[in-house]
C-alpha atoms as a PDB file:
ATOM      1  CA  GLU A   1      -7.374  37.396  66.530  1.00  0.00           C
ATOM      2  CA  PHE A   2      -7.976  34.277  68.535  1.00  0.00           C
ATOM      3  CA  ASP A   3      -7.995  30.577  68.128  1.00  0.00           C
ATOM      4  CA  HIS A   4     -10.597  27.981  68.979  1.00  0.00           C
ATOM      5  CA  GLY A   5      -8.371  25.073  68.106  1.00  0.00           C
ATOM      6  CA  LEU A   6      -8.108  26.367  64.543  1.00  0.00           C
ATOM      7  CA  GLN A   7      -5.113  25.145  62.667  1.00  0.00           C
ATOM      8  CA  HIS A   8      -2.418  27.714  62.293  1.00  0.00           C
ATOM      9  CA  SER A   9      -2.536  27.183  58.543  1.00  0.00           C
ATOM     10  CA  VAL A  10      -6.139  28.465  58.536  1.00  0.00           C
ATOM     11  CA  ILE A  11      -5.145  31.598  60.509  1.00  0.00           C
ATOM     12  CA  ARG A  12      -2.242  32.166  58.122  1.00  0.00           C
ATOM     13  CA  ARG A  13      -4.526  31.801  55.062  1.00  0.00           C
ATOM     14  CA  LEU A  14      -6.970  34.243  56.679  1.00  0.00           C
ATOM     15  CA  LYS A  15      -4.257  36.814  57.253  1.00  0.00           C
ATOM     16  CA  ARG A  16      -3.039  36.475  53.682  1.00  0.00           C
ATOM     17  CA  GLY A  17      -6.533  36.883  52.290  1.00  0.00           C
ATOM     18  CA  ALA A  18      -6.274  33.365  50.762  1.00  0.00           C
ATOM     19  CA  ILE A  19      -9.694  32.181  52.020  1.00  0.00           C
ATOM     20  CA  PRO A  20     -12.409  32.967  49.464  1.00  0.00           C
ATOM     21  CA  ILE A  21     -14.646  35.788  50.611  1.00  0.00           C
ATOM     22  CA  PHE A  22     -18.249  34.733  51.002  1.00  0.00           C
ATOM     23  CA  LYS A  23     -19.579  38.207  51.528  1.00  0.00           C
ATOM     24  CA  GLU A  24     -18.389  41.826  51.651  1.00  0.00           C
ATOM     25  CA  ILE A  25     -20.112  44.202  54.043  1.00  0.00           C
ATOM     26  CA  ASP A  26     -19.454  47.851  53.386  1.00  0.00           C
ATOM     27  CA  MET A  27     -19.879  49.901  56.583  1.00  0.00           C
ATOM     28  CA  HIS A  28     -18.441  53.223  55.343  1.00  0.00           C
ATOM     29  CA  GLY A  29     -20.225  56.250  56.784  1.00  0.00           C
ATOM     30  CA  LEU A  30     -22.534  54.307  59.148  1.00  0.00           C
ATOM     31  CA  LYS A  31     -23.451  55.752  62.522  1.00  0.00           C
ATOM     32  CA  TYR A  32     -22.467  53.685  65.558  1.00  0.00           C
ATOM     33  CA  GLN A  33     -25.945  52.183  66.139  1.00  0.00           C
ATOM     34  CA  GLU A  34     -26.420  51.449  62.425  1.00  0.00           C
ATOM     35  CA  ALA A  35     -23.068  49.638  62.354  1.00  0.00           C
ATOM     36  CA  ILE A  36     -24.076  47.448  65.294  1.00  0.00           C
ATOM     37  CA  GLY A  37     -27.290  46.558  63.479  1.00  0.00           C
ATOM     38  CA  VAL A  38     -25.369  45.702  60.325  1.00  0.00           C
ATOM     39  CA  LEU A  39     -22.890  43.496  62.199  1.00  0.00           C
ATOM     40  CA  ASN A  40     -25.684  41.562  63.957  1.00  0.00           C
ATOM     41  CA  GLU A  41     -27.712  41.111  60.801  1.00  0.00           C
ATOM     42  CA  SER A  42     -24.794  40.013  58.635  1.00  0.00           C
ATOM     43  CA  ILE A  43     -23.776  37.311  61.124  1.00  0.00           C
ATOM     44  CA  LYS A  44     -27.439  36.143  61.568  1.00  0.00           C
ATOM     45  CA  GLN A  45     -27.724  35.683  57.807  1.00  0.00           C
ATOM     46  CA  ILE A  46     -24.949  33.101  57.798  1.00  0.00           C
ATOM     47  CA  ILE A  47     -26.841  30.033  58.944  1.00  0.00           C
ATOM     48  CA  GLU A  48     -26.491  26.905  56.889  1.00  0.00           C
ATOM     49  CA  THR A  49     -23.414  27.744  54.874  1.00  0.00           C
ATOM     50  CA  LYS A  50     -20.210  26.146  56.069  1.00  0.00           C
ATOM     51  CA  THR A  51     -17.721  28.279  57.995  1.00  0.00           C
ATOM     52  CA  VAL A  52     -17.225  31.332  55.852  1.00  0.00           C
ATOM     53  CA  CYS A  53     -14.916  34.305  55.502  1.00  0.00           C
ATOM     54  CA  VAL A  54     -16.503  37.758  55.576  1.00  0.00           C
ATOM     55  CA  LEU A  55     -14.810  41.022  54.712  1.00  0.00           C
ATOM     56  CA  PHE A  56     -16.069  43.941  56.850  1.00  0.00           C
ATOM     57  CA  ILE A  57     -15.127  47.200  55.152  1.00  0.00           C
ATOM     58  CA  HIS A  58     -15.123  49.887  57.805  1.00  0.00           C
ATOM     59  CA  GLY A  59     -12.621  52.413  56.493  1.00  0.00           C
ATOM     60  CA  LYS A  60      -9.680  53.767  58.477  1.00  0.00           C
ATOM     61  CA  GLY A  61     -11.828  56.353  60.243  1.00  0.00           C
ATOM     62  CA  LEU A  62      -9.912  59.331  58.841  1.00  0.00           C
ATOM     63  CA  GLY A  63     -13.137  60.947  57.757  1.00  0.00           C
ATOM     64  CA  SER A  64     -14.620  60.796  61.297  1.00  0.00           C
ATOM     65  CA  ILE A  65     -14.924  63.751  63.556  1.00  0.00           C
ATOM     66  CA  ASN A  66     -11.427  64.540  64.956  1.00  0.00           C
ATOM     67  CA  GLN A  67     -10.154  61.802  62.657  1.00  0.00           C
ATOM     68  CA  THR A  68     -10.967  59.351  65.469  1.00  0.00           C
ATOM     69  CA  PRO A  69     -12.103  56.000  64.089  1.00  0.00           C
ATOM     70  CA  ILE A  70     -15.503  54.890  65.373  1.00  0.00           C
ATOM     71  CA  ILE A  71     -16.602  51.951  63.252  1.00  0.00           C
ATOM     72  CA  LYS A  72     -13.186  50.267  63.043  1.00  0.00           C
ATOM     73  CA  PRO A  73     -12.825  49.728  66.826  1.00  0.00           C
ATOM     74  CA  LEU A  74     -16.508  48.840  67.072  1.00  0.00           C
ATOM     75  CA  VAL A  75     -16.014  46.068  64.483  1.00  0.00           C
ATOM     76  CA  LYS A  76     -13.014  44.736  66.360  1.00  0.00           C
ATOM     77  CA  GLN A  77     -14.770  44.800  69.714  1.00  0.00           C
ATOM     78  CA  PHE A  78     -17.895  43.160  68.265  1.00  0.00           C
ATOM     79  CA  LEU A  79     -15.952  40.375  66.552  1.00  0.00           C
ATOM     80  CA  SER A  80     -13.870  39.686  69.677  1.00  0.00           C
ATOM     81  CA  CYS A  81     -17.031  39.138  71.723  1.00  0.00           C
ATOM     82  CA  HIS A  82     -19.237  37.256  69.286  1.00  0.00           C
ATOM     83  CA  PRO A  83     -19.464  33.475  69.938  1.00  0.00           C
ATOM     84  CA  ARG A  84     -19.700  32.640  66.242  1.00  0.00           C
ATOM     85  CA  ILE A  85     -16.483  34.358  65.247  1.00  0.00           C
ATOM     86  CA  LEU A  86     -13.629  31.836  64.995  1.00  0.00           C
ATOM     87  CA  ALA A  87     -10.959  34.378  64.153  1.00  0.00           C
ATOM     88  CA  TYR A  88     -10.464  37.803  62.678  1.00  0.00           C
ATOM     89  CA  THR A  89      -7.547  39.821  61.338  1.00  0.00           C
ATOM     90  CA  PRO A  90      -6.925  43.109  59.577  1.00  0.00           C
ATOM     91  CA  ALA A  91      -7.295  42.609  55.861  1.00  0.00           C
ATOM     92  CA  PRO A  92      -4.196  42.317  53.727  1.00  0.00           C
ATOM     93  CA  LYS A  93      -3.384  45.369  51.593  1.00  0.00           C
ATOM     94  CA  LYS A  94      -5.042  43.954  48.461  1.00  0.00           C
ATOM     95  CA  LEU A  95      -8.378  43.675  50.352  1.00  0.00           C
ATOM     96  CA  GLY A  96      -8.306  47.080  52.023  1.00  0.00           C
ATOM     97  CA  GLY A  97      -5.535  46.812  54.658  1.00  0.00           C
ATOM     98  CA  ASP A  98      -6.309  48.726  57.822  1.00  0.00           C
ATOM     99  CA  GLY A  99      -9.634  49.883  56.343  1.00  0.00           C
ATOM    100  CA  ALA A 100     -11.126  46.372  56.481  1.00  0.00           C
ATOM    101  CA  THR A 101     -11.266  43.314  58.687  1.00  0.00           C
ATOM    102  CA  LEU A 102     -11.514  39.644  57.648  1.00  0.00           C
ATOM    103  CA  ALA A 103     -13.502  37.328  59.927  1.00  0.00           C
ATOM    104  CA  LEU A 104     -14.148  33.598  59.918  1.00  0.00           C
ATOM    105  CA  ILE A 105     -17.718  32.973  60.939  1.00  0.00           C
ATOM    106  CA  ARG A 106     -18.926  29.601  62.137  1.00  0.00           C
ATOM    107  CA  ARG A 107     -22.278  28.364  60.879  1.00  0.00           C
ATOM    108  CA  ILE A 108     -25.170  27.517  63.173  1.00  0.00           C
ATOM    109  CA  LYS A 109     -25.955  23.828  63.289  1.00  0.00           C
ATOM    110  CA  LEU A 110     -29.680  23.516  62.974  1.00  0.00           C
ATOM    111  CA  GLY A 111     -31.700  20.649  64.389  1.00  0.00           C
END
C-alpha cells in the first residue's frame, strides 16, 4: 500500500474491490521462480490500456511446506518494488481476502 499522489477515494475503492478488475492472475501452486516470471510477464502485458486493476490470486500459503506462505510474500515484495505499481492492497473477502492481492498498475506511455 502506497500512494503516488493518488486520491484517497481511489485507494478506498481499491480496498473495497470497487474498481473493475481488468485481469485475474492465478498463481496457485507456482514455484518461486515461476511466480516471478508470471508477475513480470503480467505487468509487461499491460501497455496501452489505461491504469488498470489486477487481481493476483496467490492463495494463503497453507498448502506450502510447513504451511509457510511463499508466493503471497513474494507478490507483496514484488509489487512494493515495481515502478509501475501505483497501489496494492489485500483483496476484500468477496475477491479472495488474504488469498489474493489487488494492484493498480500504471500504463506505459509509448512514444
